[in-house]
């Protein structure tokens, strides 16, 4: 068994908040090991697993986020395990802090077969978690930043209608990619993927396909990470706008956003992102921020009230710019009463 490669396990956290109607993700800034020149990149928080420490992976995650980011996590769930060979150069050295410049290695995007690491390099599994929290800027330590999710995935925000970048950048570049296929069958397959993924050519938009859309752009060479991992220099004019991330972290973020959008319909996770007392408009704006679409106001209110998701507190919010709005709270009894107590996306 001594000739088998070592397997290391680490944890990544995709920590999401909604602040001022903007979905935000906690990031740090550090050298991107997937970049040949080691240039700085945005990274998701990362910590090693201590096999002899906490009883569960989740307790480990909560502990190092609490100690390093001074953030108490609310809802946490395991997202996905990323373990393709060659995706990591190695592990952070013991004692490296969140937000500090890593002296060793951070997760890297999966490399093509010709760029795989030499035999004997450790195989590293990263167990990614989705966590929901409330942003507290004053408590964020140096080197750790809250960034807007749609800065990394701008094609996902349709609250003002179809994003302008579709017609200016995305559709023309996808059409060029489709035409460049080597056979008619491959062209048809590419066109189908673009249609289903991005709601093009007469297809409907499916908000949950976040990861599928990012991976299509990566495969088409339309995001900076694709050129970086292939060892080629991409012309910025050929790429779709969107802030890149180091390693495979934009893929993790896309996975998390898709998971959240799906969960909104059947689990009350959105209540983790609002204050204990909130107006129905505040709740609606949080749902819209995560789903990337505008909702029908009356239908949304009817759904959450008739579904037993909220109950009035008898208090009112006067700072609304109009009539005072009643404050509500999440009605936890609904967890026992309904199998799928989500808020849904009425009239999206």
C-alpha atoms as a PDB file:
ATOM      1  CA  UNK A   1       0.000   0.000   0.000  1.00  0.00           C
ATOM      2  CA  UNK A   2       3.000   2.331   0.319  1.00  0.00           C
ATOM      3  CA  UNK A   3       3.005   3.072  -3.414  1.00  0.00           C
ATOM      4  CA  UNK A   4      -0.496   4.517  -3.256  1.00  0.00           C
ATOM      5  CA  UNK A   5      -0.754   8.340  -3.409  1.00  0.00           C
ATOM      6  CA  UNK A   6      -1.607  10.130  -0.196  1.00  0.00           C
ATOM      7  CA  UNK A   7      -5.138  11.448   0.096  1.00  0.00           C
ATOM      8  CA  UNK A   8      -5.651  14.721   1.937  1.00  0.00           C
ATOM      9  CA  UNK A   9      -9.037  16.158   2.874  1.00  0.00           C
ATOM     10  CA  UNK A  10      -9.883  19.828   3.259  1.00  0.00           C
ATOM     11  CA  UNK A  11     -13.026  21.890   3.679  1.00  0.00           C
ATOM     12  CA  UNK A  12     -14.279  24.851   1.646  1.00  0.00           C
ATOM     13  CA  UNK A  13     -17.043  27.189   2.755  1.00  0.00           C
ATOM     14  CA  UNK A  14     -19.369  29.020   0.388  1.00  0.00           C
ATOM     15  CA  UNK A  15     -20.775  31.514   2.909  1.00  0.00           C
ATOM     16  CA  UNK A  16     -23.700  33.493   1.511  1.00  0.00           C
ATOM     17  CA  UNK A  17     -25.508  36.534   2.897  1.00  0.00           C
ATOM     18  CA  UNK A  18     -28.002  38.995   1.443  1.00  0.00           C
ATOM     19  CA  UNK A  19     -27.321  42.646   2.221  1.00  0.00           C
ATOM     20  CA  UNK A  20     -29.258  45.584   0.744  1.00  0.00           C
ATOM     21  CA  UNK A  21     -30.920  43.242  -1.775  1.00  0.00           C
ATOM     22  CA  UNK A  22     -27.547  41.950  -2.978  1.00  0.00           C
ATOM     23  CA  UNK A  23     -26.458  38.332  -2.556  1.00  0.00           C
ATOM     24  CA  UNK A  24     -22.933  38.339  -1.151  1.00  0.00           C
ATOM     25  CA  UNK A  25     -20.244  35.707  -0.630  1.00  0.00           C
ATOM     26  CA  UNK A  26     -17.337  35.741   1.813  1.00  0.00           C
ATOM     27  CA  UNK A  27     -13.966  35.682   0.040  1.00  0.00           C
ATOM     28  CA  UNK A  28     -10.303  36.138   0.740  1.00  0.00           C
ATOM     29  CA  UNK A  29      -7.505  37.384  -1.487  1.00  0.00           C
ATOM     30  CA  UNK A  30      -4.432  35.270  -2.106  1.00  0.00           C
ATOM     31  CA  UNK A  31      -2.092  33.835  -4.748  1.00  0.00           C
ATOM     32  CA  UNK A  32      -3.806  31.560  -7.248  1.00  0.00           C
ATOM     33  CA  UNK A  33      -1.677  28.409  -7.571  1.00  0.00           C
ATOM     34  CA  UNK A  34      -3.362  27.606 -10.883  1.00  0.00           C
ATOM     35  CA  UNK A  35      -1.806  30.763 -12.306  1.00  0.00           C
ATOM     36  CA  UNK A  36       1.785  30.168 -13.551  1.00  0.00           C
ATOM     37  CA  UNK A  37       2.832  33.559 -12.191  1.00  0.00           C
ATOM     38  CA  UNK A  38       1.031  33.148  -8.885  1.00  0.00           C
ATOM     39  CA  UNK A  39      -1.065  36.265  -9.346  1.00  0.00           C
ATOM     40  CA  UNK A  40      -3.598  37.154  -6.683  1.00  0.00           C
ATOM     41  CA  UNK A  41      -7.168  35.913  -7.004  1.00  0.00           C
ATOM     42  CA  UNK A  42     -10.405  35.805  -5.064  1.00  0.00           C
ATOM     43  CA  UNK A  43     -10.730  32.554  -3.113  1.00  0.00           C
ATOM     44  CA  UNK A  44     -13.351  30.937  -0.947  1.00  0.00           C
ATOM     45  CA  UNK A  45     -12.456  30.303   2.697  1.00  0.00           C
ATOM     46  CA  UNK A  46     -10.578  27.054   3.140  1.00  0.00           C
ATOM     47  CA  UNK A  47      -9.401  25.023   6.074  1.00  0.00           C
ATOM     48  CA  UNK A  48      -7.771  21.642   6.620  1.00  0.00           C
ATOM     49  CA  UNK A  49      -9.560  18.749   8.240  1.00  0.00           C
ATOM     50  CA  UNK A  50      -8.108  17.611  11.560  1.00  0.00           C
ATOM     51  CA  UNK A  51      -8.742  13.835  11.571  1.00  0.00           C
ATOM     52  CA  UNK A  52      -8.168  13.621  15.293  1.00  0.00           C
ATOM     53  CA  UNK A  53     -10.133  16.735  16.173  1.00  0.00           C
ATOM     54  CA  UNK A  54     -13.840  17.418  15.901  1.00  0.00           C
ATOM     55  CA  UNK A  55     -16.327  14.585  15.715  1.00  0.00           C
ATOM     56  CA  UNK A  56     -17.932  15.817  12.470  1.00  0.00           C
ATOM     57  CA  UNK A  57     -16.804  17.757   9.409  1.00  0.00           C
ATOM     58  CA  UNK A  58     -19.453  20.400  10.058  1.00  0.00           C
ATOM     59  CA  UNK A  59     -18.136  21.096  13.563  1.00  0.00           C
ATOM     60  CA  UNK A  60     -14.646  21.529  12.096  1.00  0.00           C
ATOM     61  CA  UNK A  61     -15.988  23.961   9.493  1.00  0.00           C
ATOM     62  CA  UNK A  62     -17.928  26.002  12.041  1.00  0.00           C
ATOM     63  CA  UNK A  63     -14.922  26.120  14.351  1.00  0.00           C
ATOM     64  CA  UNK A  64     -12.365  27.513  11.947  1.00  0.00           C
ATOM     65  CA  UNK A  65     -14.850  29.967  10.448  1.00  0.00           C
ATOM     66  CA  UNK A  66     -15.644  31.190  13.961  1.00  0.00           C
ATOM     67  CA  UNK A  67     -11.990  31.517  14.937  1.00  0.00           C
ATOM     68  CA  UNK A  68     -10.613  32.915  11.704  1.00  0.00           C
ATOM     69  CA  UNK A  69     -13.458  35.010  10.283  1.00  0.00           C
ATOM     70  CA  UNK A  70     -15.180  35.879  13.582  1.00  0.00           C
ATOM     71  CA  UNK A  71     -18.418  34.696  12.009  1.00  0.00           C
ATOM     72  CA  UNK A  72     -21.051  32.472  13.593  1.00  0.00           C
ATOM     73  CA  UNK A  73     -22.653  30.375  10.878  1.00  0.00           C
ATOM     74  CA  UNK A  74     -26.358  29.650  10.814  1.00  0.00           C
ATOM     75  CA  UNK A  75     -27.641  27.120   8.322  1.00  0.00           C
ATOM     76  CA  UNK A  76     -24.934  24.770   7.004  1.00  0.00           C
ATOM     77  CA  UNK A  77     -25.199  21.849   4.610  1.00  0.00           C
ATOM     78  CA  UNK A  78     -22.716  19.753   2.691  1.00  0.00           C
ATOM     79  CA  UNK A  79     -22.640  20.872  -0.921  1.00  0.00           C
ATOM     80  CA  UNK A  80     -20.368  18.633  -2.964  1.00  0.00           C
ATOM     81  CA  UNK A  81     -17.006  16.892  -2.837  1.00  0.00           C
ATOM     82  CA  UNK A  82     -14.481  18.128  -5.396  1.00  0.00           C
ATOM     83  CA  UNK A  83     -11.801  15.528  -5.960  1.00  0.00           C
ATOM     84  CA  UNK A  84     -10.619  15.418  -9.586  1.00  0.00           C
ATOM     85  CA  UNK A  85      -6.977  14.401  -9.848  1.00  0.00           C
ATOM     86  CA  UNK A  86      -4.712  17.412 -10.222  1.00  0.00           C
ATOM     87  CA  UNK A  87      -7.184  20.015  -8.985  1.00  0.00           C
ATOM     88  CA  UNK A  88      -4.968  20.846  -5.987  1.00  0.00           C
ATOM     89  CA  UNK A  89      -1.278  21.535  -5.794  1.00  0.00           C
ATOM     90  CA  UNK A  90      -1.324  20.641  -2.105  1.00  0.00           C
ATOM     91  CA  UNK A  91      -2.594  21.778   1.254  1.00  0.00           C
ATOM     92  CA  UNK A  92      -2.128  24.997   3.217  1.00  0.00           C
ATOM     93  CA  UNK A  93       0.549  24.596   5.846  1.00  0.00           C
ATOM     94  CA  UNK A  94      -0.690  23.975   9.331  1.00  0.00           C
ATOM     95  CA  UNK A  95      -1.450  27.218  11.100  1.00  0.00           C
ATOM     96  CA  UNK A  96      -2.186  29.286   8.004  1.00  0.00           C
ATOM     97  CA  UNK A  97      -4.982  31.694   8.739  1.00  0.00           C
ATOM     98  CA  UNK A  98      -7.992  32.667   6.720  1.00  0.00           C
ATOM     99  CA  UNK A  99      -7.063  35.837   4.874  1.00  0.00           C
ATOM    100  CA  UNK A 100      -3.329  35.397   5.330  1.00  0.00           C
ATOM    101  CA  UNK A 101      -1.111  34.864   2.312  1.00  0.00           C
ATOM    102  CA  UNK A 102      -0.750  31.101   1.959  1.00  0.00           C
ATOM    103  CA  UNK A 103       2.829  29.946   1.813  1.00  0.00           C
ATOM    104  CA  UNK A 104       1.979  26.748   0.014  1.00  0.00           C
ATOM    105  CA  UNK A 105      -0.957  25.674  -2.050  1.00  0.00           C
ATOM    106  CA  UNK A 106      -4.582  26.510  -2.468  1.00  0.00           C
ATOM    107  CA  UNK A 107      -7.208  24.635  -4.493  1.00  0.00           C
ATOM    108  CA  UNK A 108      -6.715  24.763  -8.252  1.00  0.00           C
ATOM    109  CA  UNK A 109      -9.104  24.068 -11.109  1.00  0.00           C
ATOM    110  CA  UNK A 110      -9.033  20.684 -12.752  1.00  0.00           C
ATOM    111  CA  UNK A 111      -6.299  20.619 -15.362  1.00  0.00           C
ATOM    112  CA  UNK A 112      -6.464  18.879 -18.760  1.00  0.00           C
ATOM    113  CA  UNK A 113      -4.851  15.410 -19.011  1.00  0.00           C
ATOM    114  CA  UNK A 114      -1.626  16.729 -20.536  1.00  0.00           C
ATOM    115  CA  UNK A 115      -1.162  19.038 -17.548  1.00  0.00           C
ATOM    116  CA  UNK A 116      -1.815  16.489 -14.813  1.00  0.00           C
ATOM    117  CA  UNK A 117       0.675  16.438 -11.910  1.00  0.00           C
ATOM    118  CA  UNK A 118       3.462  13.918 -11.699  1.00  0.00           C
ATOM    119  CA  UNK A 119       2.851  10.614 -10.011  1.00  0.00           C
ATOM    120  CA  UNK A 120       3.157  10.800  -6.264  1.00  0.00           C
ATOM    121  CA  UNK A 121       1.551  14.228  -5.831  1.00  0.00           C
ATOM    122  CA  UNK A 122      -1.127  14.019  -3.110  1.00  0.00           C
ATOM    123  CA  UNK A 123      -4.727  13.572  -4.179  1.00  0.00           C
ATOM    124  CA  UNK A 124      -6.746  16.186  -2.335  1.00  0.00           C
ATOM    125  CA  UNK A 125     -10.472  16.058  -1.737  1.00  0.00           C
ATOM    126  CA  UNK A 126     -12.245  19.306  -0.896  1.00  0.00           C
ATOM    127  CA  UNK A 127     -15.581  18.905   0.815  1.00  0.00           C
ATOM    128  CA  UNK A 128     -17.499  22.084   0.041  1.00  0.00           C
ATOM    129  CA  UNK A 129     -20.211  23.375   2.350  1.00  0.00           C
ATOM    130  CA  UNK A 130     -22.948  25.916   1.771  1.00  0.00           C
ATOM    131  CA  UNK A 131     -23.474  28.206   4.750  1.00  0.00           C
ATOM    132  CA  UNK A 132     -25.951  31.034   5.266  1.00  0.00           C
ATOM    133  CA  UNK A 133     -25.084  33.974   7.484  1.00  0.00           C
ATOM    134  CA  UNK A 134     -25.794  37.654   8.060  1.00  0.00           C
ATOM    135  CA  UNK A 135     -23.103  40.044   6.983  1.00  0.00           C
ATOM    136  CA  UNK A 136     -21.365  42.019   9.719  1.00  0.00           C
ATOM    137  CA  UNK A 137     -18.817  44.240   8.023  1.00  0.00           C
ATOM    138  CA  UNK A 138     -17.425  45.664  11.243  1.00  0.00           C
ATOM    139  CA  UNK A 139     -16.392  42.194  12.442  1.00  0.00           C
ATOM    140  CA  UNK A 140     -14.687  41.050   9.256  1.00  0.00           C
ATOM    141  CA  UNK A 141     -10.922  40.652   9.785  1.00  0.00           C
ATOM    142  CA  UNK A 142      -8.312  42.051   7.432  1.00  0.00           C
ATOM    143  CA  UNK A 143      -7.946  40.129   4.197  1.00  0.00           C
ATOM    144  CA  UNK A 144     -11.514  38.826   4.244  1.00  0.00           C
ATOM    145  CA  UNK A 145     -14.154  40.513   2.107  1.00  0.00           C
ATOM    146  CA  UNK A 146     -17.819  40.231   1.256  1.00  0.00           C
ATOM    147  CA  UNK A 147     -18.258  40.346  -2.525  1.00  0.00           C
ATOM    148  CA  UNK A 148     -21.382  40.390  -4.678  1.00  0.00           C
ATOM    149  CA  UNK A 149     -22.250  36.964  -6.059  1.00  0.00           C
ATOM    150  CA  UNK A 150     -23.370  38.462  -9.376  1.00  0.00           C
ATOM    151  CA  UNK A 151     -19.981  40.081  -9.882  1.00  0.00           C
ATOM    152  CA  UNK A 152     -18.750  36.523 -10.479  1.00  0.00           C
ATOM    153  CA  UNK A 153     -21.887  35.226 -12.229  1.00  0.00           C
ATOM    154  CA  UNK A 154     -23.435  38.339 -13.850  1.00  0.00           C
ATOM    155  CA  UNK A 155     -25.561  36.374 -16.335  1.00  0.00           C
ATOM    156  CA  UNK A 156     -27.558  35.001 -13.379  1.00  0.00           C
ATOM    157  CA  UNK A 157     -29.143  38.326 -12.319  1.00  0.00           C
ATOM    158  CA  UNK A 158     -32.346  38.892 -14.282  1.00  0.00           C
ATOM    159  CA  UNK A 159     -34.175  41.102 -11.801  1.00  0.00           C
ATOM    160  CA  UNK A 160     -34.148  43.964 -14.307  1.00  0.00           C
ATOM    161  CA  UNK A 161     -34.921  41.703 -17.219  1.00  0.00           C
ATOM    162  CA  UNK A 162     -32.521  39.878 -19.486  1.00  0.00           C
ATOM    163  CA  UNK A 163     -29.003  41.128 -18.653  1.00  0.00           C
ATOM    164  CA  UNK A 164     -27.464  43.396 -21.274  1.00  0.00           C
ATOM    165  CA  UNK A 165     -24.397  41.176 -21.519  1.00  0.00           C
ATOM    166  CA  UNK A 166     -26.508  38.456 -23.191  1.00  0.00           C
ATOM    167  CA  UNK A 167     -26.880  40.318 -26.454  1.00  0.00           C
ATOM    168  CA  UNK A 168     -23.575  42.207 -26.297  1.00  0.00           C
ATOM    169  CA  UNK A 169     -21.263  39.392 -25.275  1.00  0.00           C
ATOM    170  CA  UNK A 170     -22.734  36.033 -24.389  1.00  0.00           C
ATOM    171  CA  UNK A 171     -24.942  35.130 -27.367  1.00  0.00           C
ATOM    172  CA  UNK A 172     -22.436  36.219 -30.072  1.00  0.00           C
ATOM    173  CA  UNK A 173     -19.624  34.271 -28.410  1.00  0.00           C
ATOM    174  CA  UNK A 174     -21.758  31.176 -27.933  1.00  0.00           C
ATOM    175  CA  UNK A 175     -22.804  31.331 -31.580  1.00  0.00           C
ATOM    176  CA  UNK A 176     -19.140  31.520 -32.622  1.00  0.00           C
ATOM    177  CA  UNK A 177     -18.390  28.508 -30.413  1.00  0.00           C
ATOM    178  CA  UNK A 178     -21.298  26.584 -31.943  1.00  0.00           C
ATOM    179  CA  UNK A 179     -20.118  27.325 -35.492  1.00  0.00           C
ATOM    180  CA  UNK A 180     -16.574  26.227 -34.665  1.00  0.00           C
ATOM    181  CA  UNK A 181     -17.676  22.639 -33.988  1.00  0.00           C
ATOM    182  CA  UNK A 182     -15.981  20.011 -36.112  1.00  0.00           C
ATOM    183  CA  UNK A 183     -19.145  18.254 -37.298  1.00  0.00           C
ATOM    184  CA  UNK A 184     -22.839  18.888 -37.748  1.00  0.00           C
ATOM    185  CA  UNK A 185     -23.654  16.550 -34.871  1.00  0.00           C
ATOM    186  CA  UNK A 186     -21.315  18.439 -32.544  1.00  0.00           C
ATOM    187  CA  UNK A 187     -22.798  21.765 -33.677  1.00  0.00           C
ATOM    188  CA  UNK A 188     -26.293  20.509 -32.868  1.00  0.00           C
ATOM    189  CA  UNK A 189     -25.152  19.292 -29.470  1.00  0.00           C
ATOM    190  CA  UNK A 190     -23.515  22.626 -28.670  1.00  0.00           C
ATOM    191  CA  UNK A 191     -26.588  24.537 -29.793  1.00  0.00           C
ATOM    192  CA  UNK A 192     -28.814  22.359 -27.599  1.00  0.00           C
ATOM    193  CA  UNK A 193     -26.564  22.896 -24.585  1.00  0.00           C
ATOM    194  CA  UNK A 194     -26.573  26.662 -25.089  1.00  0.00           C
ATOM    195  CA  UNK A 195     -30.334  26.731 -25.631  1.00  0.00           C
ATOM    196  CA  UNK A 196     -31.193  24.692 -22.551  1.00  0.00           C
ATOM    197  CA  UNK A 197     -28.552  26.274 -20.329  1.00  0.00           C
ATOM    198  CA  UNK A 198     -29.153  29.929 -21.152  1.00  0.00           C
ATOM    199  CA  UNK A 199     -32.775  29.868 -22.333  1.00  0.00           C
ATOM    200  CA  UNK A 200     -31.814  30.721 -25.927  1.00  0.00           C
ATOM    201  CA  UNK A 201     -33.245  29.925 -29.353  1.00  0.00           C
ATOM    202  CA  UNK A 202     -36.797  29.545 -28.051  1.00  0.00           C
ATOM    203  CA  UNK A 203     -35.978  27.594 -24.849  1.00  0.00           C
ATOM    204  CA  UNK A 204     -37.125  28.652 -21.403  1.00  0.00           C
ATOM    205  CA  UNK A 205     -34.760  29.918 -18.708  1.00  0.00           C
ATOM    206  CA  UNK A 206     -34.237  27.521 -15.796  1.00  0.00           C
ATOM    207  CA  UNK A 207     -32.779  29.414 -12.853  1.00  0.00           C
ATOM    208  CA  UNK A 208     -31.477  26.264 -11.156  1.00  0.00           C
ATOM    209  CA  UNK A 209     -28.996  25.442 -13.953  1.00  0.00           C
ATOM    210  CA  UNK A 210     -26.307  27.735 -12.537  1.00  0.00           C
ATOM    211  CA  UNK A 211     -23.505  25.172 -12.512  1.00  0.00           C
ATOM    212  CA  UNK A 212     -24.447  23.900 -15.968  1.00  0.00           C
ATOM    213  CA  UNK A 213     -24.150  27.421 -17.379  1.00  0.00           C
ATOM    214  CA  UNK A 214     -20.752  28.063 -15.823  1.00  0.00           C
ATOM    215  CA  UNK A 215     -19.377  24.720 -16.980  1.00  0.00           C
ATOM    216  CA  UNK A 216     -20.633  25.397 -20.504  1.00  0.00           C
ATOM    217  CA  UNK A 217     -18.771  28.720 -20.573  1.00  0.00           C
ATOM    218  CA  UNK A 218     -15.679  27.040 -19.140  1.00  0.00           C
ATOM    219  CA  UNK A 219     -15.798  24.277 -21.731  1.00  0.00           C
ATOM    220  CA  UNK A 220     -16.267  26.841 -24.502  1.00  0.00           C
ATOM    221  CA  UNK A 221     -13.204  28.758 -23.298  1.00  0.00           C
ATOM    222  CA  UNK A 222     -15.260  31.880 -22.529  1.00  0.00           C
ATOM    223  CA  UNK A 223     -14.094  32.454 -18.938  1.00  0.00           C
ATOM    224  CA  UNK A 224     -10.536  33.346 -17.820  1.00  0.00           C
ATOM    225  CA  UNK A 225     -10.173  30.177 -15.743  1.00  0.00           C
ATOM    226  CA  UNK A 226     -10.381  28.055 -18.915  1.00  0.00           C
ATOM    227  CA  UNK A 227      -7.362  29.737 -20.520  1.00  0.00           C
ATOM    228  CA  UNK A 228      -5.462  29.692 -17.233  1.00  0.00           C
ATOM    229  CA  UNK A 229      -5.929  25.952 -16.810  1.00  0.00           C
ATOM    230  CA  UNK A 230      -4.990  25.213 -20.408  1.00  0.00           C
ATOM    231  CA  UNK A 231      -1.855  27.322 -20.178  1.00  0.00           C
ATOM    232  CA  UNK A 232      -2.948  29.762 -22.877  1.00  0.00           C
ATOM    233  CA  UNK A 233      -3.463  33.522 -22.870  1.00  0.00           C
ATOM    234  CA  UNK A 234      -7.070  34.470 -23.498  1.00  0.00           C
ATOM    235  CA  UNK A 235      -7.977  37.705 -25.242  1.00  0.00           C
ATOM    236  CA  UNK A 236     -10.256  39.595 -22.862  1.00  0.00           C
ATOM    237  CA  UNK A 237     -12.389  40.629 -25.822  1.00  0.00           C
ATOM    238  CA  UNK A 238     -13.249  36.988 -26.466  1.00  0.00           C
ATOM    239  CA  UNK A 239     -14.479  36.330 -22.921  1.00  0.00           C
ATOM    240  CA  UNK A 240     -17.856  36.768 -21.261  1.00  0.00           C
ATOM    241  CA  UNK A 241     -17.809  39.447 -18.515  1.00  0.00           C
ATOM    242  CA  UNK A 242     -17.593  38.187 -14.952  1.00  0.00           C
ATOM    243  CA  UNK A 243     -15.006  38.377 -12.189  1.00  0.00           C
ATOM    244  CA  UNK A 244     -12.861  35.208 -12.092  1.00  0.00           C
ATOM    245  CA  UNK A 245     -11.884  33.283  -8.976  1.00  0.00           C
ATOM    246  CA  UNK A 246      -8.851  31.260  -8.122  1.00  0.00           C
ATOM    247  CA  UNK A 247      -8.736  27.478  -8.362  1.00  0.00           C
ATOM    248  CA  UNK A 248     -12.134  25.892  -9.025  1.00  0.00           C
ATOM    249  CA  UNK A 249     -13.901  28.261  -6.657  1.00  0.00           C
ATOM    250  CA  UNK A 250     -16.204  29.891  -9.195  1.00  0.00           C
ATOM    251  CA  UNK A 251     -17.453  26.401  -9.944  1.00  0.00           C
ATOM    252  CA  UNK A 252     -18.106  25.910  -6.207  1.00  0.00           C
ATOM    253  CA  UNK A 253     -19.958  29.225  -6.068  1.00  0.00           C
ATOM    254  CA  UNK A 254     -22.120  28.266  -9.051  1.00  0.00           C
ATOM    255  CA  UNK A 255     -22.903  24.939  -7.380  1.00  0.00           C
ATOM    256  CA  UNK A 256     -23.957  26.758  -4.206  1.00  0.00           C
ATOM    257  CA  UNK A 257     -26.175  29.305  -5.948  1.00  0.00           C
ATOM    258  CA  UNK A 258     -27.951  26.551  -7.872  1.00  0.00           C
ATOM    259  CA  UNK A 259     -28.501  24.636  -4.631  1.00  0.00           C
ATOM    260  CA  UNK A 260     -29.970  27.707  -2.911  1.00  0.00           C
ATOM    261  CA  UNK A 261     -32.336  28.407  -5.793  1.00  0.00           C
ATOM    262  CA  UNK A 262     -33.633  24.872  -5.725  1.00  0.00           C
ATOM    263  CA  UNK A 263     -34.055  24.850  -1.945  1.00  0.00           C
ATOM    264  CA  UNK A 264     -36.087  28.068  -1.886  1.00  0.00           C
ATOM    265  CA  UNK A 265     -39.059  26.150  -3.273  1.00  0.00           C
ATOM    266  CA  UNK A 266     -39.248  23.419  -0.656  1.00  0.00           C
ATOM    267  CA  UNK A 267     -37.240  24.462   2.421  1.00  0.00           C
ATOM    268  CA  UNK A 268     -37.512  27.682   4.481  1.00  0.00           C
ATOM    269  CA  UNK A 269     -33.778  28.456   4.202  1.00  0.00           C
ATOM    270  CA  UNK A 270     -34.446  32.055   3.203  1.00  0.00           C
ATOM    271  CA  UNK A 271     -35.448  32.868   6.786  1.00  0.00           C
ATOM    272  CA  UNK A 272     -31.812  32.350   7.800  1.00  0.00           C
ATOM    273  CA  UNK A 273     -30.974  35.500   5.830  1.00  0.00           C
ATOM    274  CA  UNK A 274     -33.514  37.945   7.255  1.00  0.00           C
ATOM    275  CA  UNK A 275     -33.712  39.523  10.729  1.00  0.00           C
ATOM    276  CA  UNK A 276     -35.935  37.826  13.324  1.00  0.00           C
ATOM    277  CA  UNK A 277     -38.616  40.422  12.542  1.00  0.00           C
ATOM    278  CA  UNK A 278     -39.096  41.516   8.927  1.00  0.00           C
ATOM    279  CA  UNK A 279     -41.637  42.959   6.534  1.00  0.00           C
ATOM    280  CA  UNK A 280     -43.037  40.816   3.734  1.00  0.00           C
ATOM    281  CA  UNK A 281     -41.392  43.148   1.227  1.00  0.00           C
ATOM    282  CA  UNK A 282     -38.009  42.580   2.880  1.00  0.00           C
ATOM    283  CA  UNK A 283     -38.562  38.830   2.668  1.00  0.00           C
ATOM    284  CA  UNK A 284     -39.569  39.090  -0.986  1.00  0.00           C
ATOM    285  CA  UNK A 285     -36.482  41.126  -1.860  1.00  0.00           C
ATOM    286  CA  UNK A 286     -34.210  38.484  -0.318  1.00  0.00           C
ATOM    287  CA  UNK A 287     -35.908  35.738  -2.338  1.00  0.00           C
ATOM    288  CA  UNK A 288     -35.582  37.852  -5.492  1.00  0.00           C
ATOM    289  CA  UNK A 289     -31.906  38.540  -4.799  1.00  0.00           C
ATOM    290  CA  UNK A 290     -31.132  34.825  -4.580  1.00  0.00           C
ATOM    291  CA  UNK A 291     -33.354  33.679  -7.435  1.00  0.00           C
ATOM    292  CA  UNK A 292     -32.315  36.495  -9.776  1.00  0.00           C
ATOM    293  CA  UNK A 293     -35.917  37.242 -10.819  1.00  0.00           C
ATOM    294  CA  UNK A 294     -38.663  39.647  -9.785  1.00  0.00           C
ATOM    295  CA  UNK A 295     -41.780  38.165  -8.189  1.00  0.00           C
ATOM    296  CA  UNK A 296     -45.444  39.107  -8.244  1.00  0.00           C
ATOM    297  CA  UNK A 297     -45.946  41.006  -4.985  1.00  0.00           C
ATOM    298  CA  UNK A 298     -49.499  39.968  -4.118  1.00  0.00           C
ATOM    299  CA  UNK A 299     -48.996  36.356  -5.147  1.00  0.00           C
ATOM    300  CA  UNK A 300     -45.861  36.141  -3.005  1.00  0.00           C
ATOM    301  CA  UNK A 301     -47.611  37.544   0.059  1.00  0.00           C
ATOM    302  CA  UNK A 302     -50.570  35.262  -0.435  1.00  0.00           C
ATOM    303  CA  UNK A 303     -48.277  32.249  -0.716  1.00  0.00           C
ATOM    304  CA  UNK A 304     -46.247  32.840   2.450  1.00  0.00           C
ATOM    305  CA  UNK A 305     -49.278  33.828   4.541  1.00  0.00           C
ATOM    306  CA  UNK A 306     -51.595  31.042   3.411  1.00  0.00           C
ATOM    307  CA  UNK A 307     -48.762  28.546   3.611  1.00  0.00           C
ATOM    308  CA  UNK A 308     -48.377  29.266   7.317  1.00  0.00           C
ATOM    309  CA  UNK A 309     -44.768  30.346   6.894  1.00  0.00           C
ATOM    310  CA  UNK A 310     -45.072  33.631   8.804  1.00  0.00           C
ATOM    311  CA  UNK A 311     -47.088  35.217  11.550  1.00  0.00           C
ATOM    312  CA  UNK A 312     -47.603  38.854  12.422  1.00  0.00           C
ATOM    313  CA  UNK A 313     -45.911  40.351  15.455  1.00  0.00           C
ATOM    314  CA  UNK A 314     -48.345  43.244  15.954  1.00  0.00           C
ATOM    315  CA  UNK A 315     -45.500  45.712  15.468  1.00  0.00           C
ATOM    316  CA  UNK A 316     -44.935  47.955  12.462  1.00  0.00           C
ATOM    317  CA  UNK A 317     -41.967  49.305  10.545  1.00  0.00           C
ATOM    318  CA  UNK A 318     -42.435  53.031  10.042  1.00  0.00           C
ATOM    319  CA  UNK A 319     -39.287  53.734   8.017  1.00  0.00           C
ATOM    320  CA  UNK A 320     -40.736  52.482   4.711  1.00  0.00           C
ATOM    321  CA  UNK A 321     -41.163  55.695   2.740  1.00  0.00           C
ATOM    322  CA  UNK A 322     -44.920  55.156   2.800  1.00  0.00           C
ATOM    323  CA  UNK A 323     -47.485  53.506   5.004  1.00  0.00           C
ATOM    324  CA  UNK A 324     -46.111  51.607   8.011  1.00  0.00           C
ATOM    325  CA  UNK A 325     -45.598  47.937   7.180  1.00  0.00           C
ATOM    326  CA  UNK A 326     -46.396  45.119   9.580  1.00  0.00           C
ATOM    327  CA  UNK A 327     -43.476  43.111  10.923  1.00  0.00           C
ATOM    328  CA  UNK A 328     -43.618  39.315  10.701  1.00  0.00           C
ATOM    329  CA  UNK A 329     -41.588  36.412  12.032  1.00  0.00           C
ATOM    330  CA  UNK A 330     -40.947  32.916  10.764  1.00  0.00           C
ATOM    331  CA  UNK A 331     -43.521  30.460  12.083  1.00  0.00           C
ATOM    332  CA  UNK A 332     -41.429  27.430  13.034  1.00  0.00           C
ATOM    333  CA  UNK A 333     -44.459  25.201  13.598  1.00  0.00           C
ATOM    334  CA  UNK A 334     -44.716  24.906   9.810  1.00  0.00           C
ATOM    335  CA  UNK A 335     -41.749  22.523   9.885  1.00  0.00           C
ATOM    336  CA  UNK A 336     -44.006  19.958  11.589  1.00  0.00           C
ATOM    337  CA  UNK A 337     -47.085  20.762   9.536  1.00  0.00           C
ATOM    338  CA  UNK A 338     -45.743  20.621   5.980  1.00  0.00           C
ATOM    339  CA  UNK A 339     -43.295  18.340   4.238  1.00  0.00           C
ATOM    340  CA  UNK A 340     -41.973  21.038   1.882  1.00  0.00           C
ATOM    341  CA  UNK A 341     -42.461  24.478   3.465  1.00  0.00           C
ATOM    342  CA  UNK A 342     -40.685  26.596   0.854  1.00  0.00           C
ATOM    343  CA  UNK A 343     -41.627  30.090  -0.289  1.00  0.00           C
ATOM    344  CA  UNK A 344     -41.707  29.264  -4.015  1.00  0.00           C
ATOM    345  CA  UNK A 345     -41.265  31.717  -6.882  1.00  0.00           C
ATOM    346  CA  UNK A 346     -44.787  32.953  -7.685  1.00  0.00           C
ATOM    347  CA  UNK A 347     -45.156  34.948 -10.882  1.00  0.00           C
ATOM    348  CA  UNK A 348     -41.402  34.931 -11.615  1.00  0.00           C
END
